[in-house]
Amino acid sequence: MPGCEYFIANTFAHLLGGLFITGISSENSVIDDIQHKPITHLATIVIVLVLLFATMNASVGPIKYGLFGILCIVIGQTLAAAAQRLKQKGALSNTLLTVAGIFSAMTVIGLIDNQNMLSLGIYLSAGLIALLISMVGVALFATDKEDQHTMTTWLSRAVVFLFTLYIGFDIQTLKANAAACDDTPDYVNESISLYLDIINIFSGVSALED
């Protein structure tokens, strides 16, 4: 019989575990004094990418789970400043509820829709590339603070919109993978896409609060 029992439920359990670790890490920042330095920011991006690559290519087992845990801790550190700002403004709860609402709504749509969102894959990829190029352009060439703030606001809106669609796409990919699952599912890899969707939506929503 095709598929693995509780495949989607186990994937969601791994997703919640990763988010829990990230949340704990963001509450206990160890790089607060240096994270605004450009070299630290660049180093953090490199570390996240290396950990992401290593995690997704590791075999299922303790090493893979350890790498996933470290990845969640590092990402939590990168979100610590944003979480602290939101907490000071009294907006953290509303931001978390907004992200949870977006995720819940798109999860329901992804589950009940007849896999139509899978056709958006190429467009979502193109949108992501365009978004990354735009972010680099703003970082390098936007010198006026007011213009930079305006462009950053629009980019944050684009991030929220794009990764909202990505949730529906990734849920339907998860459904397809569940149907084709063998007896050795990789729940870490299955959960990473949704995990990154949520992290990016949180980052976008928190930026709009500034």
N, C-alpha and C. Protein backbone atom coordinates (compact mmCIF):
# COMPACT_ATOMS: atom_id res chain seq x y z
N MET A 1 0.85 -1.19 0.00
CA MET A 1 0.00 0.00 0.00
C MET A 1 0.89 1.25 0.00
N PRO A 2 0.67 2.18 -0.95
CA PRO A 2 1.52 3.37 -1.03
C PRO A 2 1.29 4.31 0.13
N GLY A 3 2.30 5.11 0.40
CA GLY A 3 2.16 6.11 1.45
C GLY A 3 2.67 5.60 2.78
N CYS A 4 2.92 6.52 3.70
CA CYS A 4 3.38 6.19 5.05
C CYS A 4 2.34 6.67 6.06
N GLU A 5 2.09 5.87 7.05
CA GLU A 5 1.10 6.22 8.06
C GLU A 5 1.54 7.48 8.82
N TYR A 6 0.61 8.41 8.97
CA TYR A 6 0.84 9.66 9.72
C TYR A 6 1.99 10.50 9.14
N PHE A 7 2.21 10.41 7.84
CA PHE A 7 3.30 11.13 7.20
C PHE A 7 3.17 12.64 7.42
N ILE A 8 2.01 13.18 7.13
CA ILE A 8 1.80 14.63 7.26
C ILE A 8 1.85 15.05 8.73
N ALA A 9 1.25 14.24 9.61
CA ALA A 9 1.26 14.56 11.04
C ALA A 9 2.68 14.56 11.58
N ASN A 10 3.49 13.59 11.18
CA ASN A 10 4.88 13.53 11.65
C ASN A 10 5.70 14.70 11.11
N THR A 11 5.42 15.10 9.87
CA THR A 11 6.10 16.26 9.31
C THR A 11 5.77 17.51 10.10
N PHE A 12 4.49 17.68 10.45
CA PHE A 12 4.08 18.83 11.23
C PHE A 12 4.68 18.80 12.63
N ALA A 13 4.86 17.62 13.18
CA ALA A 13 5.50 17.51 14.50
C ALA A 13 6.95 18.00 14.43
N HIS A 14 7.65 17.63 13.37
CA HIS A 14 9.03 18.11 13.18
C HIS A 14 9.04 19.62 12.96
N LEU A 15 8.07 20.12 12.22
CA LEU A 15 7.96 21.56 11.99
C LEU A 15 7.77 22.31 13.31
N LEU A 16 6.87 21.82 14.15
CA LEU A 16 6.63 22.46 15.44
C LEU A 16 7.86 22.38 16.33
N GLY A 17 8.58 21.26 16.27
CA GLY A 17 9.80 21.13 17.04
C GLY A 17 10.84 22.16 16.63
N GLY A 18 11.01 22.34 15.31
CA GLY A 18 11.95 23.33 14.81
C GLY A 18 11.57 24.74 15.21
N LEU A 19 10.28 25.05 15.14
CA LEU A 19 9.81 26.39 15.52
C LEU A 19 9.98 26.62 17.02
N PHE A 20 9.78 25.57 17.80
CA PHE A 20 9.96 25.70 19.26
C PHE A 20 11.42 26.02 19.59
N ILE A 21 12.34 25.29 18.97
CA ILE A 21 13.77 25.55 19.19
C ILE A 21 14.14 26.97 18.76
N THR A 22 13.60 27.40 17.62
CA THR A 22 13.87 28.75 17.12
C THR A 22 13.35 29.80 18.09
N GLY A 23 12.16 29.58 18.61
CA GLY A 23 11.58 30.52 19.57
C GLY A 23 12.41 30.65 20.83
N ILE A 24 12.85 29.51 21.36
CA ILE A 24 13.70 29.53 22.56
C ILE A 24 15.01 30.25 22.28
N SER A 25 15.59 30.00 21.12
CA SER A 25 16.85 30.65 20.75
C SER A 25 16.69 32.16 20.63
N SER A 26 15.56 32.59 20.03
CA SER A 26 15.34 34.03 19.84
C SER A 26 15.15 34.75 21.16
N GLU A 27 14.75 34.02 22.19
CA GLU A 27 14.57 34.62 23.51
C GLU A 27 15.87 34.69 24.30
N ASN A 28 16.91 34.03 23.79
CA ASN A 28 18.18 33.97 24.52
C ASN A 28 19.33 34.31 23.57
N SER A 29 19.35 35.56 23.09
CA SER A 29 20.36 35.97 22.12
C SER A 29 21.75 36.02 22.74
N VAL A 30 22.71 35.49 21.99
CA VAL A 30 24.11 35.54 22.45
C VAL A 30 24.94 36.41 21.52
N ILE A 31 24.32 36.97 20.47
CA ILE A 31 25.06 37.81 19.53
C ILE A 31 24.45 39.20 19.43
N ASP A 32 23.71 39.59 20.46
CA ASP A 32 22.97 40.85 20.42
C ASP A 32 23.88 42.06 20.19
N ASP A 33 25.06 42.03 20.76
CA ASP A 33 25.95 43.19 20.69
C ASP A 33 26.69 43.31 19.36
N ILE A 34 26.73 42.22 18.58
CA ILE A 34 27.53 42.25 17.35
C ILE A 34 26.73 41.95 16.09
N GLN A 35 25.44 41.60 16.25
CA GLN A 35 24.70 41.12 15.08
C GLN A 35 24.40 42.23 14.06
N HIS A 36 24.54 43.50 14.44
CA HIS A 36 24.28 44.56 13.49
C HIS A 36 25.50 44.90 12.64
N LYS A 37 26.65 44.34 12.94
CA LYS A 37 27.85 44.59 12.15
C LYS A 37 27.74 43.84 10.82
N PRO A 38 28.09 44.49 9.70
CA PRO A 38 27.96 43.85 8.38
C PRO A 38 28.66 42.50 8.28
N ILE A 39 29.88 42.41 8.84
CA ILE A 39 30.61 41.15 8.75
C ILE A 39 29.89 40.04 9.49
N THR A 40 29.27 40.37 10.63
CA THR A 40 28.52 39.37 11.39
C THR A 40 27.28 38.95 10.63
N HIS A 41 26.60 39.90 10.01
CA HIS A 41 25.40 39.60 9.23
C HIS A 41 25.74 38.68 8.07
N LEU A 42 26.82 38.97 7.37
CA LEU A 42 27.25 38.15 6.24
C LEU A 42 27.64 36.76 6.71
N ALA A 43 28.39 36.70 7.80
CA ALA A 43 28.82 35.40 8.34
C ALA A 43 27.62 34.55 8.74
N THR A 44 26.59 35.19 9.31
CA THR A 44 25.40 34.46 9.72
C THR A 44 24.67 33.87 8.53
N ILE A 45 24.58 34.65 7.44
CA ILE A 45 23.93 34.15 6.23
C ILE A 45 24.67 32.93 5.68
N VAL A 46 26.00 33.03 5.66
CA VAL A 46 26.81 31.92 5.17
C VAL A 46 26.61 30.68 6.04
N ILE A 47 26.62 30.87 7.35
CA ILE A 47 26.44 29.75 8.28
C ILE A 47 25.08 29.09 8.07
N VAL A 48 24.03 29.91 7.92
CA VAL A 48 22.68 29.37 7.70
C VAL A 48 22.63 28.55 6.42
N LEU A 49 23.21 29.07 5.35
CA LEU A 49 23.19 28.36 4.07
C LEU A 49 23.97 27.05 4.15
N VAL A 50 25.11 27.09 4.82
CA VAL A 50 25.91 25.86 4.97
C VAL A 50 25.15 24.83 5.79
N LEU A 51 24.56 25.27 6.89
CA LEU A 51 23.80 24.34 7.74
C LEU A 51 22.59 23.79 7.00
N LEU A 52 21.92 24.64 6.22
CA LEU A 52 20.76 24.19 5.46
C LEU A 52 21.17 23.12 4.45
N PHE A 53 22.25 23.37 3.73
CA PHE A 53 22.74 22.40 2.75
C PHE A 53 23.14 21.10 3.44
N ALA A 54 23.87 21.21 4.54
CA ALA A 54 24.33 20.01 5.25
C ALA A 54 23.16 19.22 5.81
N THR A 55 22.18 19.91 6.37
CA THR A 55 21.02 19.24 6.95
C THR A 55 20.24 18.46 5.89
N MET A 56 19.99 19.11 4.76
CA MET A 56 19.16 18.49 3.74
C MET A 56 19.87 17.34 3.02
N ASN A 57 21.19 17.33 3.08
CA ASN A 57 21.94 16.27 2.40
C ASN A 57 22.44 15.17 3.34
N ALA A 58 22.21 15.34 4.63
CA ALA A 58 22.63 14.32 5.59
C ALA A 58 21.63 13.15 5.57
N SER A 59 22.12 11.98 5.88
CA SER A 59 21.25 10.81 5.98
C SER A 59 20.38 10.91 7.22
N VAL A 60 19.21 10.30 7.17
CA VAL A 60 18.32 10.31 8.33
C VAL A 60 19.00 9.65 9.52
N GLY A 61 19.06 10.35 10.62
CA GLY A 61 19.71 9.83 11.80
C GLY A 61 20.08 10.94 12.75
N PRO A 62 20.84 10.63 13.81
CA PRO A 62 21.18 11.63 14.83
C PRO A 62 21.92 12.85 14.27
N ILE A 63 22.82 12.65 13.31
CA ILE A 63 23.57 13.79 12.76
C ILE A 63 22.63 14.76 12.07
N LYS A 64 21.70 14.23 11.31
CA LYS A 64 20.75 15.09 10.60
C LYS A 64 19.91 15.89 11.59
N TYR A 65 19.43 15.24 12.65
CA TYR A 65 18.63 15.93 13.64
C TYR A 65 19.47 16.96 14.40
N GLY A 66 20.73 16.64 14.65
CA GLY A 66 21.60 17.60 15.30
C GLY A 66 21.83 18.83 14.45
N LEU A 67 22.06 18.62 13.16
CA LEU A 67 22.25 19.75 12.24
C LEU A 67 20.98 20.60 12.14
N PHE A 68 19.84 19.95 12.11
CA PHE A 68 18.57 20.67 12.05
C PHE A 68 18.37 21.52 13.30
N GLY A 69 18.72 20.94 14.44
CA GLY A 69 18.61 21.68 15.69
C GLY A 69 19.52 22.90 15.71
N ILE A 70 20.74 22.72 15.25
CA ILE A 70 21.69 23.85 15.20
C ILE A 70 21.19 24.92 14.24
N LEU A 71 20.66 24.48 13.08
CA LEU A 71 20.11 25.43 12.11
C LEU A 71 19.00 26.26 12.74
N CYS A 72 18.11 25.62 13.48
CA CYS A 72 17.01 26.33 14.14
C CYS A 72 17.53 27.31 15.19
N ILE A 73 18.57 26.92 15.91
CA ILE A 73 19.16 27.80 16.92
C ILE A 73 19.77 29.04 16.26
N VAL A 74 20.52 28.84 15.19
CA VAL A 74 21.16 29.97 14.50
C VAL A 74 20.11 30.91 13.92
N ILE A 75 19.07 30.37 13.30
CA ILE A 75 18.01 31.22 12.76
C ILE A 75 17.30 31.97 13.89
N GLY A 76 17.13 31.31 15.02
CA GLY A 76 16.53 31.98 16.18
C GLY A 76 17.36 33.17 16.63
N GLN A 77 18.67 33.03 16.57
CA GLN A 77 19.55 34.14 16.92
C GLN A 77 19.38 35.32 15.96
N THR A 78 19.18 35.02 14.67
CA THR A 78 19.01 36.10 13.70
C THR A 78 17.68 36.82 13.89
N LEU A 79 16.71 36.16 14.51
CA LEU A 79 15.39 36.77 14.73
C LEU A 79 15.27 37.45 16.09
N ALA A 80 16.30 37.32 16.91
CA ALA A 80 16.22 37.81 18.29
C ALA A 80 15.95 39.31 18.36
N ALA A 81 16.65 40.10 17.54
CA ALA A 81 16.49 41.56 17.57
C ALA A 81 15.06 41.95 17.17
N ALA A 82 14.54 41.32 16.11
CA ALA A 82 13.18 41.62 15.66
C ALA A 82 12.16 41.25 16.72
N ALA A 83 12.35 40.09 17.34
CA ALA A 83 11.42 39.66 18.39
C ALA A 83 11.45 40.61 19.57
N GLN A 84 12.64 41.10 19.92
CA GLN A 84 12.77 42.04 21.03
C GLN A 84 12.07 43.36 20.72
N ARG A 85 12.24 43.85 19.48
CA ARG A 85 11.56 45.09 19.09
C ARG A 85 10.05 44.94 19.15
N LEU A 86 9.56 43.82 18.65
CA LEU A 86 8.12 43.58 18.67
C LEU A 86 7.60 43.49 20.10
N LYS A 87 8.38 42.85 20.96
CA LYS A 87 7.97 42.73 22.35
C LYS A 87 7.91 44.09 23.02
N GLN A 88 8.87 44.95 22.75
CA GLN A 88 8.88 46.29 23.33
C GLN A 88 7.70 47.12 22.85
N LYS A 89 7.27 46.89 21.60
CA LYS A 89 6.12 47.60 21.06
C LYS A 89 4.78 46.97 21.46
N GLY A 90 4.85 45.82 22.09
CA GLY A 90 3.64 45.09 22.43
C GLY A 90 2.97 44.47 21.23
N ALA A 91 3.77 44.23 20.17
CA ALA A 91 3.21 43.72 18.91
C ALA A 91 3.60 42.27 18.63
N LEU A 92 4.34 41.64 19.53
CA LEU A 92 4.81 40.29 19.26
C LEU A 92 3.66 39.29 19.16
N SER A 93 2.71 39.38 20.09
CA SER A 93 1.58 38.44 20.07
C SER A 93 0.77 38.58 18.79
N ASN A 94 0.50 39.83 18.39
CA ASN A 94 -0.27 40.05 17.17
C ASN A 94 0.47 39.54 15.94
N THR A 95 1.79 39.73 15.93
CA THR A 95 2.58 39.24 14.80
C THR A 95 2.53 37.72 14.72
N LEU A 96 2.69 37.07 15.86
CA LEU A 96 2.64 35.60 15.89
C LEU A 96 1.26 35.08 15.48
N LEU A 97 0.22 35.78 15.91
CA LEU A 97 -1.14 35.38 15.53
C LEU A 97 -1.36 35.57 14.03
N THR A 98 -0.81 36.66 13.49
CA THR A 98 -0.93 36.89 12.05
C THR A 98 -0.25 35.78 11.26
N VAL A 99 0.97 35.43 11.67
CA VAL A 99 1.71 34.36 10.99
C VAL A 99 0.96 33.04 11.12
N ALA A 100 0.46 32.75 12.32
CA ALA A 100 -0.29 31.51 12.54
C ALA A 100 -1.56 31.48 11.69
N GLY A 101 -2.23 32.62 11.58
CA GLY A 101 -3.44 32.69 10.77
C GLY A 101 -3.16 32.45 9.30
N ILE A 102 -2.10 33.07 8.80
CA ILE A 102 -1.71 32.87 7.40
C ILE A 102 -1.37 31.40 7.15
N PHE A 103 -0.57 30.83 8.05
CA PHE A 103 -0.17 29.44 7.87
C PHE A 103 -1.38 28.51 7.92
N SER A 104 -2.27 28.73 8.87
CA SER A 104 -3.45 27.87 9.01
C SER A 104 -4.34 27.95 7.78
N ALA A 105 -4.59 29.17 7.30
CA ALA A 105 -5.47 29.36 6.14
C ALA A 105 -4.88 28.69 4.90
N MET A 106 -3.59 28.90 4.66
CA MET A 106 -2.97 28.32 3.47
C MET A 106 -2.81 26.81 3.58
N THR A 107 -2.66 26.32 4.81
CA THR A 107 -2.61 24.87 5.00
C THR A 107 -3.94 24.24 4.63
N VAL A 108 -5.03 24.84 5.08
CA VAL A 108 -6.36 24.32 4.74
C VAL A 108 -6.57 24.35 3.23
N ILE A 109 -6.21 25.48 2.60
CA ILE A 109 -6.36 25.60 1.15
C ILE A 109 -5.51 24.54 0.44
N GLY A 110 -4.28 24.37 0.90
CA GLY A 110 -3.40 23.39 0.28
C GLY A 110 -3.91 21.97 0.42
N LEU A 111 -4.54 21.68 1.55
CA LEU A 111 -5.03 20.32 1.79
C LEU A 111 -6.30 20.00 1.01
N ILE A 112 -7.19 20.99 0.87
CA ILE A 112 -8.47 20.70 0.22
C ILE A 112 -8.43 20.95 -1.29
N ASP A 113 -7.49 21.79 -1.74
CA ASP A 113 -7.39 22.05 -3.18
C ASP A 113 -6.82 20.83 -3.89
N ASN A 114 -7.24 20.64 -5.13
CA ASN A 114 -6.85 19.44 -5.89
C ASN A 114 -5.51 19.64 -6.59
N GLN A 115 -4.48 19.95 -5.79
CA GLN A 115 -3.09 20.05 -6.26
C GLN A 115 -2.90 21.11 -7.35
N ASN A 116 -3.79 22.08 -7.43
CA ASN A 116 -3.67 23.10 -8.47
C ASN A 116 -2.50 24.06 -8.22
N MET A 117 -2.12 24.22 -6.95
CA MET A 117 -1.06 25.17 -6.63
C MET A 117 0.32 24.67 -7.04
N LEU A 118 0.44 23.37 -7.34
CA LEU A 118 1.73 22.85 -7.78
C LEU A 118 2.16 23.46 -9.11
N SER A 119 1.18 23.93 -9.88
CA SER A 119 1.49 24.55 -11.17
C SER A 119 2.15 25.92 -11.01
N LEU A 120 2.14 26.45 -9.77
CA LEU A 120 2.74 27.77 -9.52
C LEU A 120 4.25 27.69 -9.27
N GLY A 121 4.79 26.50 -9.22
CA GLY A 121 6.19 26.33 -8.82
C GLY A 121 7.17 27.20 -9.56
N ILE A 122 7.10 27.21 -10.89
CA ILE A 122 8.05 27.98 -11.69
C ILE A 122 7.88 29.48 -11.47
N TYR A 123 6.64 29.91 -11.25
CA TYR A 123 6.38 31.33 -11.02
C TYR A 123 6.86 31.76 -9.63
N LEU A 124 6.70 30.88 -8.66
CA LEU A 124 7.19 31.18 -7.32
C LEU A 124 8.71 31.26 -7.31
N SER A 125 9.35 30.38 -8.03
CA SER A 125 10.82 30.41 -8.12
C SER A 125 11.30 31.70 -8.78
N ALA A 126 10.62 32.10 -9.86
CA ALA A 126 10.98 33.34 -10.53
C ALA A 126 10.76 34.53 -9.61
N GLY A 127 9.66 34.50 -8.86
CA GLY A 127 9.39 35.58 -7.91
C GLY A 127 10.43 35.66 -6.82
N LEU A 128 10.88 34.49 -6.35
CA LEU A 128 11.91 34.47 -5.31
C LEU A 128 13.23 35.05 -5.82
N ILE A 129 13.61 34.69 -7.04
CA ILE A 129 14.84 35.23 -7.62
C ILE A 129 14.74 36.74 -7.77
N ALA A 130 13.59 37.21 -8.28
CA ALA A 130 13.40 38.66 -8.45
C ALA A 130 13.44 39.37 -7.11
N LEU A 131 12.88 38.74 -6.08
CA LEU A 131 12.88 39.34 -4.75
C LEU A 131 14.28 39.45 -4.19
N LEU A 132 15.08 38.40 -4.36
CA LEU A 132 16.46 38.41 -3.87
C LEU A 132 17.28 39.48 -4.58
N ILE A 133 17.11 39.59 -5.89
CA ILE A 133 17.84 40.61 -6.65
C ILE A 133 17.44 42.01 -6.18
N SER A 134 16.15 42.21 -5.93
CA SER A 134 15.66 43.50 -5.47
C SER A 134 16.23 43.86 -4.10
N MET A 135 16.31 42.86 -3.22
CA MET A 135 16.86 43.10 -1.89
C MET A 135 18.33 43.51 -1.96
N VAL A 136 19.08 42.82 -2.81
CA VAL A 136 20.50 43.17 -2.98
C VAL A 136 20.62 44.58 -3.55
N GLY A 137 19.77 44.90 -4.52
CA GLY A 137 19.80 46.23 -5.12
C GLY A 137 19.52 47.33 -4.12
N VAL A 138 18.51 47.11 -3.27
CA VAL A 138 18.18 48.10 -2.23
C VAL A 138 19.33 48.26 -1.25
N ALA A 139 19.92 47.12 -0.84
CA ALA A 139 21.02 47.17 0.12
C ALA A 139 22.24 47.90 -0.43
N LEU A 140 22.49 47.76 -1.73
CA LEU A 140 23.69 48.33 -2.32
C LEU A 140 23.52 49.77 -2.81
N PHE A 141 22.33 50.08 -3.31
CA PHE A 141 22.18 51.34 -4.03
C PHE A 141 21.22 52.35 -3.41
N ALA A 142 20.41 51.93 -2.46
CA ALA A 142 19.48 52.87 -1.83
C ALA A 142 20.21 53.60 -0.70
N THR A 143 20.54 54.86 -0.94
CA THR A 143 21.30 55.63 0.06
C THR A 143 20.41 56.55 0.88
N ASP A 144 19.33 57.04 0.29
CA ASP A 144 18.42 57.92 1.01
C ASP A 144 17.59 57.08 1.99
N LYS A 145 17.59 57.48 3.26
CA LYS A 145 16.91 56.67 4.28
C LYS A 145 15.42 56.55 4.04
N GLU A 146 14.80 57.64 3.61
CA GLU A 146 13.35 57.60 3.37
C GLU A 146 13.01 56.67 2.20
N ASP A 147 13.79 56.77 1.13
CA ASP A 147 13.57 55.89 -0.02
C ASP A 147 13.85 54.44 0.36
N GLN A 148 14.89 54.23 1.14
CA GLN A 148 15.23 52.87 1.57
C GLN A 148 14.11 52.27 2.40
N HIS A 149 13.54 53.09 3.30
CA HIS A 149 12.45 52.60 4.14
C HIS A 149 11.23 52.25 3.29
N THR A 150 10.93 53.10 2.31
CA THR A 150 9.78 52.83 1.43
C THR A 150 9.97 51.54 0.64
N MET A 151 11.15 51.37 0.06
CA MET A 151 11.42 50.17 -0.72
C MET A 151 11.46 48.92 0.15
N THR A 152 12.00 49.06 1.37
CA THR A 152 12.04 47.93 2.29
C THR A 152 10.63 47.51 2.68
N THR A 153 9.75 48.48 2.86
CA THR A 153 8.35 48.18 3.19
C THR A 153 7.68 47.38 2.08
N TRP A 154 7.89 47.81 0.84
CA TRP A 154 7.30 47.09 -0.29
C TRP A 154 7.91 45.70 -0.45
N LEU A 155 9.21 45.59 -0.20
CA LEU A 155 9.84 44.28 -0.27
C LEU A 155 9.32 43.35 0.82
N SER A 156 9.07 43.90 2.01
CA SER A 156 8.52 43.10 3.11
C SER A 156 7.13 42.59 2.75
N ARG A 157 6.33 43.44 2.12
CA ARG A 157 5.00 43.01 1.66
C ARG A 157 5.12 41.89 0.63
N ALA A 158 6.10 42.04 -0.26
CA ALA A 158 6.32 41.01 -1.29
C ALA A 158 6.75 39.69 -0.66
N VAL A 159 7.59 39.77 0.38
CA VAL A 159 8.02 38.57 1.09
C VAL A 159 6.82 37.85 1.69
N VAL A 160 5.96 38.59 2.36
CA VAL A 160 4.78 37.98 2.99
C VAL A 160 3.89 37.34 1.93
N PHE A 161 3.65 38.06 0.84
CA PHE A 161 2.79 37.55 -0.23
C PHE A 161 3.38 36.29 -0.86
N LEU A 162 4.67 36.35 -1.21
CA LEU A 162 5.32 35.23 -1.90
C LEU A 162 5.32 33.97 -1.03
N PHE A 163 5.72 34.12 0.24
CA PHE A 163 5.83 32.93 1.08
C PHE A 163 4.48 32.44 1.58
N THR A 164 3.47 33.30 1.52
CA THR A 164 2.11 32.83 1.77
C THR A 164 1.71 31.84 0.68
N LEU A 165 1.99 32.19 -0.58
CA LEU A 165 1.72 31.27 -1.69
C LEU A 165 2.57 30.02 -1.58
N TYR A 166 3.82 30.20 -1.13
CA TYR A 166 4.71 29.05 -0.99
C TYR A 166 4.17 28.03 0.01
N ILE A 167 3.46 28.48 1.03
CA ILE A 167 2.90 27.54 2.00
C ILE A 167 1.93 26.59 1.30
N GLY A 168 1.01 27.16 0.51
CA GLY A 168 0.07 26.33 -0.23
C GLY A 168 0.79 25.36 -1.15
N PHE A 169 1.81 25.86 -1.86
CA PHE A 169 2.60 25.01 -2.76
C PHE A 169 3.29 23.89 -1.99
N ASP A 170 3.92 24.24 -0.87
CA ASP A 170 4.67 23.24 -0.10
C ASP A 170 3.75 22.22 0.57
N ILE A 171 2.55 22.65 0.97
CA ILE A 171 1.58 21.71 1.52
C ILE A 171 1.17 20.68 0.47
N GLN A 172 0.96 21.15 -0.76
CA GLN A 172 0.57 20.22 -1.81
C GLN A 172 1.73 19.33 -2.24
N THR A 173 2.95 19.85 -2.16
CA THR A 173 4.12 19.00 -2.38
C THR A 173 4.20 17.93 -1.30
N LEU A 174 3.89 18.33 -0.08
CA LEU A 174 3.88 17.38 1.05
C LEU A 174 2.85 16.28 0.83
N LYS A 175 1.67 16.65 0.33
CA LYS A 175 0.63 15.66 0.03
C LYS A 175 1.11 14.66 -1.01
N ALA A 176 1.76 15.18 -2.06
CA ALA A 176 2.27 14.30 -3.11
C ALA A 176 3.36 13.38 -2.57
N ASN A 177 4.24 13.90 -1.74
CA ASN A 177 5.30 13.09 -1.15
C ASN A 177 4.74 12.05 -0.19
N ALA A 178 3.67 12.40 0.50
CA ALA A 178 3.03 11.45 1.42
C ALA A 178 2.47 10.26 0.65
N ALA A 179 1.87 10.53 -0.50
CA ALA A 179 1.30 9.45 -1.30
C ALA A 179 2.37 8.54 -1.89
N ALA A 180 3.56 9.12 -2.15
CA ALA A 180 4.64 8.34 -2.77
C ALA A 180 5.66 7.84 -1.76
N CYS A 181 5.40 8.03 -0.48
CA CYS A 181 6.37 7.71 0.57
C CYS A 181 6.72 6.24 0.60
N ASP A 182 8.02 5.96 0.87
CA ASP A 182 8.45 4.59 1.09
C ASP A 182 8.55 4.34 2.59
N ASP A 183 9.30 3.36 3.00
CA ASP A 183 9.35 3.02 4.43
C ASP A 183 10.43 3.77 5.18
N THR A 184 11.13 4.72 4.52
CA THR A 184 12.16 5.51 5.22
C THR A 184 11.94 7.00 4.95
N PRO A 185 10.87 7.56 5.46
CA PRO A 185 10.59 8.99 5.21
C PRO A 185 11.61 9.89 5.90
N ASP A 186 11.88 11.02 5.27
CA ASP A 186 12.81 12.01 5.83
C ASP A 186 11.97 13.21 6.28
N TYR A 187 11.51 13.16 7.52
CA TYR A 187 10.60 14.19 8.01
C TYR A 187 11.29 15.54 8.20
N VAL A 188 12.58 15.53 8.42
CA VAL A 188 13.31 16.80 8.55
C VAL A 188 13.25 17.56 7.23
N ASN A 189 13.63 16.88 6.14
CA ASN A 189 13.59 17.54 4.83
C ASN A 189 12.18 17.95 4.44
N GLU A 190 11.21 17.13 4.79
CA GLU A 190 9.82 17.44 4.45
C GLU A 190 9.35 18.71 5.18
N SER A 191 9.86 18.92 6.38
CA SER A 191 9.39 20.05 7.19
C SER A 191 10.15 21.34 6.93
N ILE A 192 11.34 21.25 6.33
CA ILE A 192 12.20 22.44 6.20
C ILE A 192 11.56 23.52 5.33
N SER A 193 10.93 23.14 4.23
CA SER A 193 10.33 24.14 3.35
C SER A 193 9.26 24.94 4.09
N LEU A 194 8.38 24.25 4.80
CA LEU A 194 7.34 24.93 5.56
C LEU A 194 7.94 25.77 6.69
N TYR A 195 8.99 25.24 7.30
CA TYR A 195 9.68 25.99 8.36
C TYR A 195 10.21 27.31 7.82
N LEU A 196 10.87 27.27 6.67
CA LEU A 196 11.42 28.49 6.07
C LEU A 196 10.31 29.45 5.61
N ASP A 197 9.20 28.89 5.15
CA ASP A 197 8.05 29.74 4.79
C ASP A 197 7.62 30.57 6.00
N ILE A 198 7.46 29.90 7.13
CA ILE A 198 7.00 30.58 8.34
C ILE A 198 8.02 31.61 8.81
N ILE A 199 9.30 31.25 8.80
CA ILE A 199 10.34 32.17 9.24
C ILE A 199 10.35 33.43 8.36
N ASN A 200 10.22 33.25 7.05
CA ASN A 200 10.23 34.40 6.15
C ASN A 200 8.98 35.26 6.30
N ILE A 201 7.85 34.64 6.52
CA ILE A 201 6.62 35.44 6.77
C ILE A 201 6.74 36.21 8.07
N PHE A 202 7.27 35.58 9.10
CA PHE A 202 7.49 36.30 10.37
C PHE A 202 8.42 37.47 10.16
N SER A 203 9.50 37.26 9.42
CA SER A 203 10.45 38.36 9.17
C SER A 203 9.78 39.49 8.40
N GLY A 204 8.96 39.14 7.41
CA GLY A 204 8.27 40.17 6.63
C GLY A 204 7.27 40.94 7.44
N VAL A 205 6.47 40.24 8.22
CA VAL A 205 5.46 40.90 9.05
C VAL A 205 6.13 41.77 10.12
N SER A 206 7.20 41.26 10.73
CA SER A 206 7.89 42.04 11.77
C SER A 206 8.52 43.30 11.17
N ALA A 207 9.03 43.22 9.93
CA ALA A 207 9.60 44.40 9.28
C ALA A 207 8.52 45.46 9.02
N LEU A 208 7.32 45.02 8.72
CA LEU A 208 6.22 45.96 8.48
C LEU A 208 5.79 46.67 9.75
N GLU A 209 6.14 46.10 10.90
CA GLU A 209 5.80 46.72 12.18
C GLU A 209 6.75 47.87 12.53
N ASP A 210 7.92 47.93 11.86
CA ASP A 210 8.91 48.97 12.16
C ASP A 210 8.48 50.32 11.58
